[in-house]
Amino acid sequence: MYLKAALICEGMTVFDPRKVKRLVPKGSLSASDCAWGHDLVTLARQLAGKRPDFDLKAELSVPGYFFHKLPMTVEAGFALFDPFFSELRYPQELKKLEGVGEHEKIVLDALIQTLMPFLAKIP
């Protein structure tokens, strides 16, 4: 949600780019202006393409988090949460998601803090 909000602040539209051709009037939106899907790494890369100051290789501040290889990059933080959307969205056998615990909250909080500067202030 925060990633899509940051992309909207950069002028993107949450819309399926495969359906752009059906819009009327034609040319009112291009596929490159669309933010779509639940792949957090893809969405983060879109934001990095719009905002060079959004550095996916930057170290994510996750004090007290020991369950994954450290230092953790911003991109790795988003990758950690990708299975939440791909595997928990619909009933299926879990293949990528190993478990969710209190410690993942530390990473989520750090990701949100990383995104906050890229969200427009709403009056």
PDB file of N, CA and C in Angstrom:
ATOM      1  N   MET A   1       0.825  -1.178   0.000  1.00  0.00           N
ATOM      2  CA  MET A   1       0.000   0.000   0.000  1.00  0.00           C
ATOM      3  C   MET A   1       0.877   1.252   0.000  1.00  0.00           C
ATOM      4  N   TYR A   2       1.907   1.260   0.821  1.00  0.00           N
ATOM      5  CA  TYR A   2       2.799   2.416   0.869  1.00  0.00           C
ATOM      6  C   TYR A   2       3.568   2.578  -0.433  1.00  0.00           C
ATOM      7  N   LEU A   3       3.994   1.471  -1.018  1.00  0.00           N
ATOM      8  CA  LEU A   3       4.706   1.540  -2.293  1.00  0.00           C
ATOM      9  C   LEU A   3       3.811   2.119  -3.377  1.00  0.00           C
ATOM     10  N   LYS A   4       2.596   1.649  -3.466  1.00  0.00           N
ATOM     11  CA  LYS A   4       1.685   2.180  -4.481  1.00  0.00           C
ATOM     12  C   LYS A   4       1.363   3.645  -4.205  1.00  0.00           C
ATOM     13  N   ALA A   5       1.234   4.026  -2.958  1.00  0.00           N
ATOM     14  CA  ALA A   5       0.999   5.431  -2.633  1.00  0.00           C
ATOM     15  C   ALA A   5       2.176   6.295  -3.081  1.00  0.00           C
ATOM     16  N   ALA A   6       3.395   5.823  -2.867  1.00  0.00           N
ATOM     17  CA  ALA A   6       4.575   6.576  -3.307  1.00  0.00           C
ATOM     18  C   ALA A   6       4.610   6.674  -4.828  1.00  0.00           C
ATOM     19  N   LEU A   7       4.224   5.615  -5.520  1.00  0.00           N
ATOM     20  CA  LEU A   7       4.179   5.643  -6.979  1.00  0.00           C
ATOM     21  C   LEU A   7       3.108   6.609  -7.478  1.00  0.00           C
ATOM     22  N   ILE A   8       1.970   6.657  -6.803  1.00  0.00           N
ATOM     23  CA  ILE A   8       0.918   7.617  -7.150  1.00  0.00           C
ATOM     24  C   ILE A   8       1.438   9.035  -6.970  1.00  0.00           C
ATOM     25  N   CYS A   9       2.189   9.272  -5.896  1.00  0.00           N
ATOM     26  CA  CYS A   9       2.781  10.597  -5.664  1.00  0.00           C
ATOM     27  C   CYS A   9       3.744  10.984  -6.788  1.00  0.00           C
ATOM     28  N   GLU A  10       4.288   9.994  -7.474  1.00  0.00           N
ATOM     29  CA  GLU A  10       5.196  10.245  -8.600  1.00  0.00           C
ATOM     30  C   GLU A  10       4.442  10.330  -9.927  1.00  0.00           C
ATOM     31  N   GLY A  11       3.118  10.330  -9.863  1.00  0.00           N
ATOM     32  CA  GLY A  11       2.315  10.514 -11.069  1.00  0.00           C
ATOM     33  C   GLY A  11       1.834   9.235 -11.730  1.00  0.00           C
ATOM     34  N   MET A  12       2.080   8.095 -11.108  1.00  0.00           N
ATOM     35  CA  MET A  12       1.639   6.833 -11.696  1.00  0.00           C
ATOM     36  C   MET A  12       0.182   6.558 -11.326  1.00  0.00           C
ATOM     37  N   THR A  13      -0.441   5.671 -12.083  1.00  0.00           N
ATOM     38  CA  THR A  13      -1.833   5.290 -11.874  1.00  0.00           C
ATOM     39  C   THR A  13      -1.890   3.802 -11.561  1.00  0.00           C
ATOM     40  N   VAL A  14      -2.692   3.435 -10.572  1.00  0.00           N
ATOM     41  CA  VAL A  14      -2.875   2.024 -10.256  1.00  0.00           C
ATOM     42  C   VAL A  14      -3.904   1.486 -11.243  1.00  0.00           C
ATOM     43  N   PHE A  15      -3.371   0.806 -12.256  1.00  0.00           N
ATOM     44  CA  PHE A  15      -4.211   0.306 -13.341  1.00  0.00           C
ATOM     45  C   PHE A  15      -3.453  -0.800 -14.051  1.00  0.00           C
ATOM     46  N   ASP A  16      -4.180  -1.799 -14.522  1.00  0.00           N
ATOM     47  CA  ASP A  16      -3.572  -2.918 -15.234  1.00  0.00           C
ATOM     48  C   ASP A  16      -3.048  -2.436 -16.595  1.00  0.00           C
ATOM     49  N   PRO A  17      -1.739  -2.457 -16.812  1.00  0.00           N
ATOM     50  CA  PRO A  17      -1.182  -1.946 -18.062  1.00  0.00           C
ATOM     51  C   PRO A  17      -1.631  -2.739 -19.291  1.00  0.00           C
ATOM     52  N   ARG A  18      -2.090  -3.971 -19.095  1.00  0.00           N
ATOM     53  CA  ARG A  18      -2.578  -4.771 -20.228  1.00  0.00           C
ATOM     54  C   ARG A  18      -3.919  -4.262 -20.749  1.00  0.00           C
ATOM     55  N   LYS A  19      -4.592  -3.435 -19.968  1.00  0.00           N
ATOM     56  CA  LYS A  19      -5.911  -2.931 -20.366  1.00  0.00           C
ATOM     57  C   LYS A  19      -5.874  -1.498 -20.885  1.00  0.00           C
ATOM     58  N   VAL A  20      -4.695  -0.912 -20.958  1.00  0.00           N
ATOM     59  CA  VAL A  20      -4.562   0.475 -21.402  1.00  0.00           C
ATOM     60  C   VAL A  20      -5.131   0.664 -22.806  1.00  0.00           C
ATOM     61  N   LYS A  21      -4.951  -0.312 -23.672  1.00  0.00           N
ATOM     62  CA  LYS A  21      -5.415  -0.202 -25.069  1.00  0.00           C
ATOM     63  C   LYS A  21      -6.932  -0.062 -25.170  1.00  0.00           C
ATOM     64  N   ARG A  22      -7.652  -0.490 -24.137  1.00  0.00           N
ATOM     65  CA  ARG A  22      -9.121  -0.435 -24.159  1.00  0.00           C
ATOM     66  C   ARG A  22      -9.674   0.893 -23.647  1.00  0.00           C
ATOM     67  N   LEU A  23      -8.820   1.753 -23.141  1.00  0.00           N
ATOM     68  CA  LEU A  23      -9.294   3.014 -22.565  1.00  0.00           C
ATOM     69  C   LEU A  23      -9.819   3.960 -23.640  1.00  0.00           C
ATOM     70  N   VAL A  24     -10.805   4.733 -23.241  1.00  0.00           N
ATOM     71  CA  VAL A  24     -11.325   5.797 -24.096  1.00  0.00           C
ATOM     72  C   VAL A  24     -11.249   7.061 -23.270  1.00  0.00           C
ATOM     73  N   PRO A  25     -10.639   8.119 -23.742  1.00  0.00           N
ATOM     74  CA  PRO A  25     -10.041   8.250 -25.075  1.00  0.00           C
ATOM     75  C   PRO A  25      -8.697   7.530 -25.146  1.00  0.00           C
ATOM     76  N   LYS A  26      -8.361   7.104 -26.344  1.00  0.00           N
ATOM     77  CA  LYS A  26      -7.083   6.428 -26.586  1.00  0.00           C
ATOM     78  C   LYS A  26      -5.945   7.375 -26.224  1.00  0.00           C
ATOM     79  N   GLY A  27      -4.886   6.811 -25.658  1.00  0.00           N
ATOM     80  CA  GLY A  27      -3.712   7.613 -25.315  1.00  0.00           C
ATOM     81  C   GLY A  27      -3.838   8.395 -24.023  1.00  0.00           C
ATOM     82  N   SER A  28      -4.936   8.184 -23.290  1.00  0.00           N
ATOM     83  CA  SER A  28      -5.119   8.918 -22.033  1.00  0.00           C
ATOM     84  C   SER A  28      -4.202   8.405 -20.931  1.00  0.00           C
ATOM     85  N   LEU A  29      -3.649   7.202 -21.132  1.00  0.00           N
ATOM     86  CA  LEU A  29      -2.744   6.593 -20.167  1.00  0.00           C
ATOM     87  C   LEU A  29      -1.841   5.632 -20.918  1.00  0.00           C
ATOM     88  N   SER A  30      -0.580   5.594 -20.549  1.00  0.00           N
ATOM     89  CA  SER A  30       0.326   4.625 -21.180  1.00  0.00           C
ATOM     90  C   SER A  30       0.666   3.527 -20.173  1.00  0.00           C
ATOM     91  N   ALA A  31       1.077   2.376 -20.685  1.00  0.00           N
ATOM     92  CA  ALA A  31       1.421   1.246 -19.823  1.00  0.00           C
ATOM     93  C   ALA A  31       2.547   1.598 -18.865  1.00  0.00           C
ATOM     94  N   SER A  32       3.473   2.452 -19.292  1.00  0.00           N
ATOM     95  CA  SER A  32       4.599   2.823 -18.426  1.00  0.00           C
ATOM     96  C   SER A  32       4.174   3.728 -17.271  1.00  0.00           C
ATOM     97  N   ASP A  33       2.952   4.228 -17.314  1.00  0.00           N
ATOM     98  CA  ASP A  33       2.424   5.066 -16.233  1.00  0.00           C
ATOM     99  C   ASP A  33       1.649   4.256 -15.203  1.00  0.00           C
ATOM    100  N   CYS A  34       1.620   2.936 -15.364  1.00  0.00           N
ATOM    101  CA  CYS A  34       0.805   2.081 -14.503  1.00  0.00           C
ATOM    102  C   CYS A  34       1.638   1.379 -13.429  1.00  0.00           C
ATOM    103  N   ALA A  35       1.112   1.364 -12.228  1.00  0.00           N
ATOM    104  CA  ALA A  35       1.661   0.569 -11.126  1.00  0.00           C
ATOM    105  C   ALA A  35       0.633  -0.512 -10.861  1.00  0.00           C
ATOM    106  N   TRP A  36       1.028  -1.788 -11.025  1.00  0.00           N
ATOM    107  CA  TRP A  36       0.035  -2.848 -10.940  1.00  0.00           C
ATOM    108  C   TRP A  36       0.646  -4.093 -10.317  1.00  0.00           C
ATOM    109  N   GLY A  37      -0.162  -4.845  -9.646  1.00  0.00           N
ATOM    110  CA  GLY A  37       0.269  -6.120  -9.104  1.00  0.00           C
ATOM    111  C   GLY A  37       0.654  -6.046  -7.641  1.00  0.00           C
ATOM    112  N   HIS A  38       1.137  -7.185  -7.155  1.00  0.00           N
ATOM    113  CA  HIS A  38       1.491  -7.304  -5.745  1.00  0.00           C
ATOM    114  C   HIS A  38       2.958  -7.651  -5.544  1.00  0.00           C
ATOM    115  N   ASP A  39       3.729  -7.680  -6.612  1.00  0.00           N
ATOM    116  CA  ASP A  39       5.153  -7.997  -6.490  1.00  0.00           C
ATOM    117  C   ASP A  39       5.871  -6.773  -5.934  1.00  0.00           C
ATOM    118  N   LEU A  40       6.225  -6.832  -4.672  1.00  0.00           N
ATOM    119  CA  LEU A  40       6.807  -5.674  -3.994  1.00  0.00           C
ATOM    120  C   LEU A  40       8.142  -5.250  -4.591  1.00  0.00           C
ATOM    121  N   VAL A  41       8.960  -6.197  -4.997  1.00  0.00           N
ATOM    122  CA  VAL A  41      10.259  -5.860  -5.583  1.00  0.00           C
ATOM    123  C   VAL A  41      10.056  -5.126  -6.908  1.00  0.00           C
ATOM    124  N   THR A  42       9.126  -5.592  -7.728  1.00  0.00           N
ATOM    125  CA  THR A  42       8.833  -4.920  -8.996  1.00  0.00           C
ATOM    126  C   THR A  42       8.331  -3.505  -8.749  1.00  0.00           C
ATOM    127  N   LEU A  43       7.413  -3.344  -7.808  1.00  0.00           N
ATOM    128  CA  LEU A  43       6.898  -2.013  -7.485  1.00  0.00           C
ATOM    129  C   LEU A  43       8.010  -1.107  -6.938  1.00  0.00           C
ATOM    130  N   ALA A  44       8.873  -1.665  -6.095  1.00  0.00           N
ATOM    131  CA  ALA A  44       9.991  -0.884  -5.548  1.00  0.00           C
ATOM    132  C   ALA A  44      10.947  -0.460  -6.662  1.00  0.00           C
ATOM    133  N   ARG A  45      11.176  -1.337  -7.622  1.00  0.00           N
ATOM    134  CA  ARG A  45      12.044  -0.980  -8.757  1.00  0.00           C
ATOM    135  C   ARG A  45      11.408   0.113  -9.604  1.00  0.00           C
ATOM    136  N   GLN A  46      10.086   0.093  -9.733  1.00  0.00           N
ATOM    137  CA  GLN A  46       9.405   1.172 -10.449  1.00  0.00           C
ATOM    138  C   GLN A  46       9.624   2.499  -9.740  1.00  0.00           C
ATOM    139  N   LEU A  47       9.515   2.499  -8.419  1.00  0.00           N
ATOM    140  CA  LEU A  47       9.729   3.723  -7.661  1.00  0.00           C
ATOM    141  C   LEU A  47      11.174   4.193  -7.787  1.00  0.00           C
ATOM    142  N   ALA A  48      12.111   3.267  -7.732  1.00  0.00           N
ATOM    143  CA  ALA A  48      13.519   3.626  -7.892  1.00  0.00           C
ATOM    144  C   ALA A  48      13.780   4.215  -9.278  1.00  0.00           C
ATOM    145  N   GLY A  49      13.055   3.749 -10.285  1.00  0.00           N
ATOM    146  CA  GLY A  49      13.184   4.302 -11.631  1.00  0.00           C
ATOM    147  C   GLY A  49      12.672   5.725 -11.724  1.00  0.00           C
ATOM    148  N   LYS A  50      11.705   6.054 -10.894  1.00  0.00           N
ATOM    149  CA  LYS A  50      11.145   7.416 -10.858  1.00  0.00           C
ATOM    150  C   LYS A  50      11.941   8.337  -9.931  1.00  0.00           C
ATOM    151  N   ARG A  51      12.468   7.748  -8.874  1.00  0.00           N
ATOM    152  CA  ARG A  51      13.170   8.522  -7.845  1.00  0.00           C
ATOM    153  C   ARG A  51      14.548   7.929  -7.600  1.00  0.00           C
ATOM    154  N   PRO A  52      15.586   8.475  -8.225  1.00  0.00           N
ATOM    155  CA  PRO A  52      16.938   7.939  -8.014  1.00  0.00           C
ATOM    156  C   PRO A  52      17.389   7.995  -6.547  1.00  0.00           C
ATOM    157  N   ASP A  53      16.766   8.852  -5.746  1.00  0.00           N
ATOM    158  CA  ASP A  53      17.127   8.931  -4.327  1.00  0.00           C
ATOM    159  C   ASP A  53      16.486   7.801  -3.511  1.00  0.00           C
ATOM    160  N   PHE A  54      15.676   6.972  -4.139  1.00  0.00           N
ATOM    161  CA  PHE A  54      15.134   5.778  -3.489  1.00  0.00           C
ATOM    162  C   PHE A  54      16.075   4.633  -3.854  1.00  0.00           C
ATOM    163  N   ASP A  55      17.006   4.340  -2.967  1.00  0.00           N
ATOM    164  CA  ASP A  55      18.097   3.413  -3.244  1.00  0.00           C
ATOM    165  C   ASP A  55      17.778   2.018  -2.714  1.00  0.00           C
ATOM    166  N   LEU A  56      17.519   1.101  -3.628  1.00  0.00           N
ATOM    167  CA  LEU A  56      17.195  -0.269  -3.235  1.00  0.00           C
ATOM    168  C   LEU A  56      18.388  -1.009  -2.656  1.00  0.00           C
ATOM    169  N   LYS A  57      19.589  -0.543  -2.934  1.00  0.00           N
ATOM    170  CA  LYS A  57      20.802  -1.200  -2.425  1.00  0.00           C
ATOM    171  C   LYS A  57      21.219  -0.645  -1.059  1.00  0.00           C
ATOM    172  N   ALA A  58      20.499   0.371  -0.592  1.00  0.00           N
ATOM    173  CA  ALA A  58      20.820   0.965   0.718  1.00  0.00           C
ATOM    174  C   ALA A  58      20.559  -0.055   1.820  1.00  0.00           C
ATOM    175  N   GLU A  59      21.337   0.041   2.869  1.00  0.00           N
ATOM    176  CA  GLU A  59      21.165  -0.860   4.005  1.00  0.00           C
ATOM    177  C   GLU A  59      19.920  -0.465   4.784  1.00  0.00           C
ATOM    178  N   LEU A  60      19.105  -1.457   5.084  1.00  0.00           N
ATOM    179  CA  LEU A  60      17.894  -1.251   5.857  1.00  0.00           C
ATOM    180  C   LEU A  60      18.244  -1.362   7.338  1.00  0.00           C
ATOM    181  N   SER A  61      17.829  -0.390   8.107  1.00  0.00           N
ATOM    182  CA  SER A  61      18.123  -0.394   9.539  1.00  0.00           C
ATOM    183  C   SER A  61      17.144  -1.326  10.253  1.00  0.00           C
ATOM    184  N   VAL A  62      17.656  -2.498  10.629  1.00  0.00           N
ATOM    185  CA  VAL A  62      16.828  -3.502  11.308  1.00  0.00           C
ATOM    186  C   VAL A  62      17.533  -3.980  12.575  1.00  0.00           C
ATOM    187  N   PRO A  63      17.620  -3.108  13.590  1.00  0.00           N
ATOM    188  CA  PRO A  63      18.294  -3.509  14.830  1.00  0.00           C
ATOM    189  C   PRO A  63      17.552  -4.639  15.524  1.00  0.00           C
ATOM    190  N   GLY A  64      18.287  -5.615  15.962  1.00  0.00           N
ATOM    191  CA  GLY A  64      17.699  -6.727  16.689  1.00  0.00           C
ATOM    192  C   GLY A  64      17.046  -7.772  15.803  1.00  0.00           C
ATOM    193  N   TYR A  65      17.266  -7.696  14.488  1.00  0.00           N
ATOM    194  CA  TYR A  65      16.679  -8.683  13.580  1.00  0.00           C
ATOM    195  C   TYR A  65      17.782  -9.629  13.133  1.00  0.00           C
ATOM    196  N   PHE A  66      17.671 -10.896  13.480  1.00  0.00           N
ATOM    197  CA  PHE A  66      18.760 -11.851  13.249  1.00  0.00           C
ATOM    198  C   PHE A  66      18.355 -13.050  12.403  1.00  0.00           C
ATOM    199  N   PHE A  67      17.171 -13.024  11.802  1.00  0.00           N
ATOM    200  CA  PHE A  67      16.658 -14.214  11.141  1.00  0.00           C
ATOM    201  C   PHE A  67      17.029 -14.320   9.660  1.00  0.00           C
ATOM    202  N   HIS A  68      17.644 -13.300   9.118  1.00  0.00           N
ATOM    203  CA  HIS A  68      18.073 -13.309   7.726  1.00  0.00           C
ATOM    204  C   HIS A  68      19.469 -12.714   7.643  1.00  0.00           C
ATOM    205  N   LYS A  69      20.091 -12.910   6.515  1.00  0.00           N
ATOM    206  CA  LYS A  69      21.441 -12.396   6.306  1.00  0.00           C
ATOM    207  C   LYS A  69      21.467 -10.877   6.500  1.00  0.00           C
ATOM    208  N   LEU A  70      22.374 -10.423   7.303  1.00  0.00           N
ATOM    209  CA  LEU A  70      22.556  -8.990   7.536  1.00  0.00           C
ATOM    210  C   LEU A  70      23.919  -8.577   6.997  1.00  0.00           C
ATOM    211  N   PRO A  71      24.127  -7.382   6.527  1.00  0.00           N
ATOM    212  CA  PRO A  71      23.116  -6.330   6.458  1.00  0.00           C
ATOM    213  C   PRO A  71      22.065  -6.643   5.395  1.00  0.00           C
ATOM    214  N   MET A  72      20.881  -6.142   5.638  1.00  0.00           N
ATOM    215  CA  MET A  72      19.761  -6.344   4.726  1.00  0.00           C
ATOM    216  C   MET A  72      19.562  -5.076   3.909  1.00  0.00           C
ATOM    217  N   THR A  73      19.424  -5.225   2.598  1.00  0.00           N
ATOM    218  CA  THR A  73      19.156  -4.065   1.751  1.00  0.00           C
ATOM    219  C   THR A  73      17.653  -3.782   1.742  1.00  0.00           C
ATOM    220  N   VAL A  74      17.300  -2.599   1.273  1.00  0.00           N
ATOM    221  CA  VAL A  74      15.892  -2.243   1.125  1.00  0.00           C
ATOM    222  C   VAL A  74      15.216  -3.243   0.186  1.00  0.00           C
ATOM    223  N   GLU A  75      15.884  -3.576  -0.915  1.00  0.00           N
ATOM    224  CA  GLU A  75      15.314  -4.535  -1.865  1.00  0.00           C
ATOM    225  C   GLU A  75      15.094  -5.904  -1.212  1.00  0.00           C
ATOM    226  N   ALA A  76      16.033  -6.363  -0.409  1.00  0.00           N
ATOM    227  CA  ALA A  76      15.882  -7.648   0.282  1.00  0.00           C
ATOM    228  C   ALA A  76      14.731  -7.593   1.284  1.00  0.00           C
ATOM    229  N   GLY A  77      14.524  -6.450   1.889  1.00  0.00           N
ATOM    230  CA  GLY A  77      13.391  -6.289   2.801  1.00  0.00           C
ATOM    231  C   GLY A  77      12.065  -6.463   2.080  1.00  0.00           C
ATOM    232  N   PHE A  78      11.958  -5.851   0.894  1.00  0.00           N
ATOM    233  CA  PHE A  78      10.730  -6.032   0.109  1.00  0.00           C
ATOM    234  C   PHE A  78      10.583  -7.478  -0.345  1.00  0.00           C
ATOM    235  N   ALA A  79      11.680  -8.101  -0.745  1.00  0.00           N
ATOM    236  CA  ALA A  79      11.635  -9.498  -1.185  1.00  0.00           C
ATOM    237  C   ALA A  79      11.167 -10.414  -0.052  1.00  0.00           C
ATOM    238  N   LEU A  80      11.517 -10.086   1.172  1.00  0.00           N
ATOM    239  CA  LEU A  80      11.094 -10.880   2.325  1.00  0.00           C
ATOM    240  C   LEU A  80       9.569 -10.965   2.408  1.00  0.00           C
ATOM    241  N   PHE A  81       8.899  -9.871   2.031  1.00  0.00           N
ATOM    242  CA  PHE A  81       7.443  -9.819   2.165  1.00  0.00           C
ATOM    243  C   PHE A  81       6.686 -10.220   0.904  1.00  0.00           C
ATOM    244  N   ASP A  82       7.369 -10.450  -0.212  1.00  0.00           N
ATOM    245  CA  ASP A  82       6.682 -10.868  -1.437  1.00  0.00           C
ATOM    246  C   ASP A  82       5.805 -12.106  -1.237  1.00  0.00           C
ATOM    247  N   PRO A  83       6.262 -13.138  -0.533  1.00  0.00           N
ATOM    248  CA  PRO A  83       5.401 -14.327  -0.357  1.00  0.00           C
ATOM    249  C   PRO A  83       4.097 -14.041   0.377  1.00  0.00           C
ATOM    250  N   PHE A  84       4.059 -12.973   1.182  1.00  0.00           N
ATOM    251  CA  PHE A  84       2.827 -12.645   1.883  1.00  0.00           C
ATOM    252  C   PHE A  84       1.707 -12.400   0.883  1.00  0.00           C
ATOM    253  N   PHE A  85       2.047 -11.797  -0.253  1.00  0.00           N
ATOM    254  CA  PHE A  85       1.031 -11.452  -1.240  1.00  0.00           C
ATOM    255  C   PHE A  85       0.829 -12.555  -2.268  1.00  0.00           C
ATOM    256  N   SER A  86       1.873 -13.289  -2.583  1.00  0.00           N
ATOM    257  CA  SER A  86       1.725 -14.326  -3.599  1.00  0.00           C
ATOM    258  C   SER A  86       1.190 -15.633  -3.009  1.00  0.00           C
ATOM    259  N   GLU A  87       1.547 -15.962  -1.789  1.00  0.00           N
ATOM    260  CA  GLU A  87       1.139 -17.249  -1.225  1.00  0.00           C
ATOM    261  C   GLU A  87      -0.038 -17.162  -0.262  1.00  0.00           C
ATOM    262  N   LEU A  88      -0.190 -16.061   0.424  1.00  0.00           N
ATOM    263  CA  LEU A  88      -1.284 -15.960   1.392  1.00  0.00           C
ATOM    264  C   LEU A  88      -2.554 -15.383   0.784  1.00  0.00           C
ATOM    265  N   ARG A  89      -2.447 -14.857  -0.430  1.00  0.00           N
ATOM    266  CA  ARG A  89      -3.597 -14.243  -1.083  1.00  0.00           C
ATOM    267  C   ARG A  89      -4.687 -15.268  -1.401  1.00  0.00           C
ATOM    268  N   TYR A  90      -4.287 -16.443  -1.854  1.00  0.00           N
ATOM    269  CA  TYR A  90      -5.229 -17.491  -2.225  1.00  0.00           C
ATOM    270  C   TYR A  90      -4.811 -18.788  -1.539  1.00  0.00           C
ATOM    271  N   PRO A  91      -5.762 -19.641  -1.171  1.00  0.00           N
ATOM    272  CA  PRO A  91      -5.401 -20.909  -0.512  1.00  0.00           C
ATOM    273  C   PRO A  91      -4.524 -21.772  -1.424  1.00  0.00           C
ATOM    274  N   GLN A  92      -3.394 -22.159  -0.904  1.00  0.00           N
ATOM    275  CA  GLN A  92      -2.465 -23.011  -1.646  1.00  0.00           C
ATOM    276  C   GLN A  92      -1.389 -23.511  -0.699  1.00  0.00           C
ATOM    277  N   GLU A  93      -0.602 -24.428  -1.180  1.00  0.00           N
ATOM    278  CA  GLU A  93       0.529 -24.914  -0.397  1.00  0.00           C
ATOM    279  C   GLU A  93       1.582 -23.818  -0.315  1.00  0.00           C
ATOM    280  N   LEU A  94       2.086 -23.569   0.887  1.00  0.00           N
ATOM    281  CA  LEU A  94       3.119 -22.552   1.070  1.00  0.00           C
ATOM    282  C   LEU A  94       4.467 -23.120   0.660  1.00  0.00           C
ATOM    283  N   LYS A  95       5.121 -22.467  -0.297  1.00  0.00           N
ATOM    284  CA  LYS A  95       6.415 -22.927  -0.782  1.00  0.00           C
ATOM    285  C   LYS A  95       7.535 -21.951  -0.451  1.00  0.00           C
ATOM    286  N   LYS A  96       7.223 -20.667  -0.427  1.00  0.00           N
ATOM    287  CA  LYS A  96       8.256 -19.652  -0.186  1.00  0.00           C
ATOM    288  C   LYS A  96       8.192 -19.077   1.228  1.00  0.00           C
ATOM    289  N   LEU A  97       7.013 -19.029   1.775  1.00  0.00           N
ATOM    290  CA  LEU A  97       6.809 -18.426   3.083  1.00  0.00           C
ATOM    291  C   LEU A  97       7.166 -19.433   4.163  1.00  0.00           C
ATOM    292  N   GLU A  98       8.159 -19.095   4.965  1.00  0.00           N
ATOM    293  CA  GLU A  98       8.629 -20.016   5.995  1.00  0.00           C
ATOM    294  C   GLU A  98       7.954 -19.782   7.334  1.00  0.00           C
ATOM    295  N   GLY A  99       7.513 -18.593   7.561  1.00  0.00           N
ATOM    296  CA  GLY A  99       6.879 -18.279   8.824  1.00  0.00           C
ATOM    297  C   GLY A  99       6.859 -16.789   9.050  1.00  0.00           C
ATOM    298  N   VAL A 100       5.979 -16.373   9.889  1.00  0.00           N
ATOM    299  CA  VAL A 100       5.833 -14.967  10.196  1.00  0.00           C
ATOM    300  C   VAL A 100       5.845 -14.839  11.705  1.00  0.00           C
ATOM    301  N   GLY A 101       6.651 -13.937  12.192  1.00  0.00           N
ATOM    302  CA  GLY A 101       6.722 -13.746  13.627  1.00  0.00           C
ATOM    303  C   GLY A 101       6.870 -12.286  13.986  1.00  0.00           C
ATOM    304  N   GLU A 102       7.021 -12.038  15.222  1.00  0.00           N
ATOM    305  CA  GLU A 102       7.158 -10.677  15.747  1.00  0.00           C
ATOM    306  C   GLU A 102       8.373  -9.962  15.151  1.00  0.00           C
ATOM    307  N   HIS A 103       9.396 -10.729  14.802  1.00  0.00           N
ATOM    308  CA  HIS A 103      10.615 -10.100  14.287  1.00  0.00           C
ATOM    309  C   HIS A 103      10.426  -9.490  12.900  1.00  0.00           C
ATOM    310  N   GLU A 104       9.500 -10.028  12.105  1.00  0.00           N
ATOM    311  CA  GLU A 104       9.252  -9.448  10.784  1.00  0.00           C
ATOM    312  C   GLU A 104       8.690  -8.035  10.897  1.00  0.00           C
ATOM    313  N   LYS A 105       8.059  -7.746  12.013  1.00  0.00           N
ATOM    314  CA  LYS A 105       7.551  -6.392  12.257  1.00  0.00           C
ATOM    315  C   LYS A 105       8.688  -5.375  12.218  1.00  0.00           C
ATOM    316  N   ILE A 106       9.863  -5.761  12.686  1.00  0.00           N
ATOM    317  CA  ILE A 106      11.028  -4.864  12.678  1.00  0.00           C
ATOM    318  C   ILE A 106      11.374  -4.471  11.239  1.00  0.00           C
ATOM    319  N   VAL A 107      11.362  -5.449  10.342  1.00  0.00           N
ATOM    320  CA  VAL A 107      11.676  -5.180   8.936  1.00  0.00           C
ATOM    321  C   VAL A 107      10.578  -4.334   8.310  1.00  0.00           C
ATOM    322  N   LEU A 108       9.326  -4.675   8.575  1.00  0.00           N
ATOM    323  CA  LEU A 108       8.208  -3.916   8.024  1.00  0.00           C
ATOM    324  C   LEU A 108       8.254  -2.457   8.475  1.00  0.00           C
ATOM    325  N   ASP A 109       8.510  -2.240   9.748  1.00  0.00           N
ATOM    326  CA  ASP A 109       8.621  -0.862  10.258  1.00  0.00           C
ATOM    327  C   ASP A 109       9.754  -0.108   9.560  1.00  0.00           C
ATOM    328  N   ALA A 110      10.881  -0.764   9.335  1.00  0.00           N
ATOM    329  CA  ALA A 110      12.018  -0.124   8.664  1.00  0.00           C
ATOM    330  C   ALA A 110      11.666   0.211   7.212  1.00  0.00           C
ATOM    331  N   LEU A 111      10.950  -0.675   6.539  1.00  0.00           N
ATOM    332  CA  LEU A 111      10.543  -0.401   5.158  1.00  0.00           C
ATOM    333  C   LEU A 111       9.595   0.795   5.089  1.00  0.00           C
ATOM    334  N   ILE A 112       8.664   0.857   6.008  1.00  0.00           N
ATOM    335  CA  ILE A 112       7.724   1.983   6.033  1.00  0.00           C
ATOM    336  C   ILE A 112       8.478   3.285   6.277  1.00  0.00           C
ATOM    337  N   GLN A 113       9.426   3.284   7.199  1.00  0.00           N
ATOM    338  CA  GLN A 113      10.219   4.490   7.453  1.00  0.00           C
ATOM    339  C   GLN A 113      11.024   4.896   6.223  1.00  0.00           C
ATOM    340  N   THR A 114      11.484   3.923   5.451  1.00  0.00           N
ATOM    341  CA  THR A 114      12.218   4.211   4.222  1.00  0.00           C
ATOM    342  C   THR A 114      11.312   4.851   3.183  1.00  0.00           C
ATOM    343  N   LEU A 115      10.047   4.446   3.151  1.00  0.00           N
ATOM    344  CA  LEU A 115       9.109   4.969   2.160  1.00  0.00           C
ATOM    345  C   LEU A 115       8.507   6.322   2.540  1.00  0.00           C
ATOM    346  N   MET A 116       8.456   6.647   3.807  1.00  0.00           N
ATOM    347  CA  MET A 116       7.762   7.865   4.256  1.00  0.00           C
ATOM    348  C   MET A 116       8.218   9.134   3.538  1.00  0.00           C
ATOM    349  N   PRO A 117       9.517   9.345   3.295  1.00  0.00           N
ATOM    350  CA  PRO A 117       9.907  10.570   2.599  1.00  0.00           C
ATOM    351  C   PRO A 117       9.372  10.681   1.160  1.00  0.00           C
ATOM    352  N   PHE A 118       8.904   9.586   0.606  1.00  0.00           N
ATOM    353  CA  PHE A 118       8.429   9.578  -0.774  1.00  0.00           C
ATOM    354  C   PHE A 118       6.920   9.696  -0.882  1.00  0.00           C
ATOM    355  N   LEU A 119       6.275   9.907   0.244  1.00  0.00           N
ATOM    356  CA  LEU A 119       4.824  10.081   0.265  1.00  0.00           C
ATOM    357  C   LEU A 119       4.513  11.552   0.445  1.00  0.00           C
ATOM    358  N   ALA A 120       3.659  12.079  -0.416  1.00  0.00           N
ATOM    359  CA  ALA A 120       3.284  13.491  -0.333  1.00  0.00           C
ATOM    360  C   ALA A 120       2.514  13.717   0.967  1.00  0.00           C
ATOM    361  N   LYS A 121       2.710  14.868   1.539  1.00  0.00           N
ATOM    362  CA  LYS A 121       1.976  15.225   2.747  1.00  0.00           C
ATOM    363  C   LYS A 121       0.556  15.613   2.371  1.00  0.00           C
ATOM    364  N   ILE A 122      -0.406  14.962   2.982  1.00  0.00           N
ATOM    365  CA  ILE A 122      -1.816  15.261   2.721  1.00  0.00           C
ATOM    366  C   ILE A 122      -2.281  16.238   3.796  1.00  0.00           C
ATOM    367  N   PRO A 123      -2.818  17.376   3.370  1.00  0.00           N
ATOM    368  CA  PRO A 123      -3.264  18.391   4.365  1.00  0.00           C
ATOM    369  C   PRO A 123      -4.393  17.885   5.234  1.00  0.00           C
TER     370      PRO A 123
END
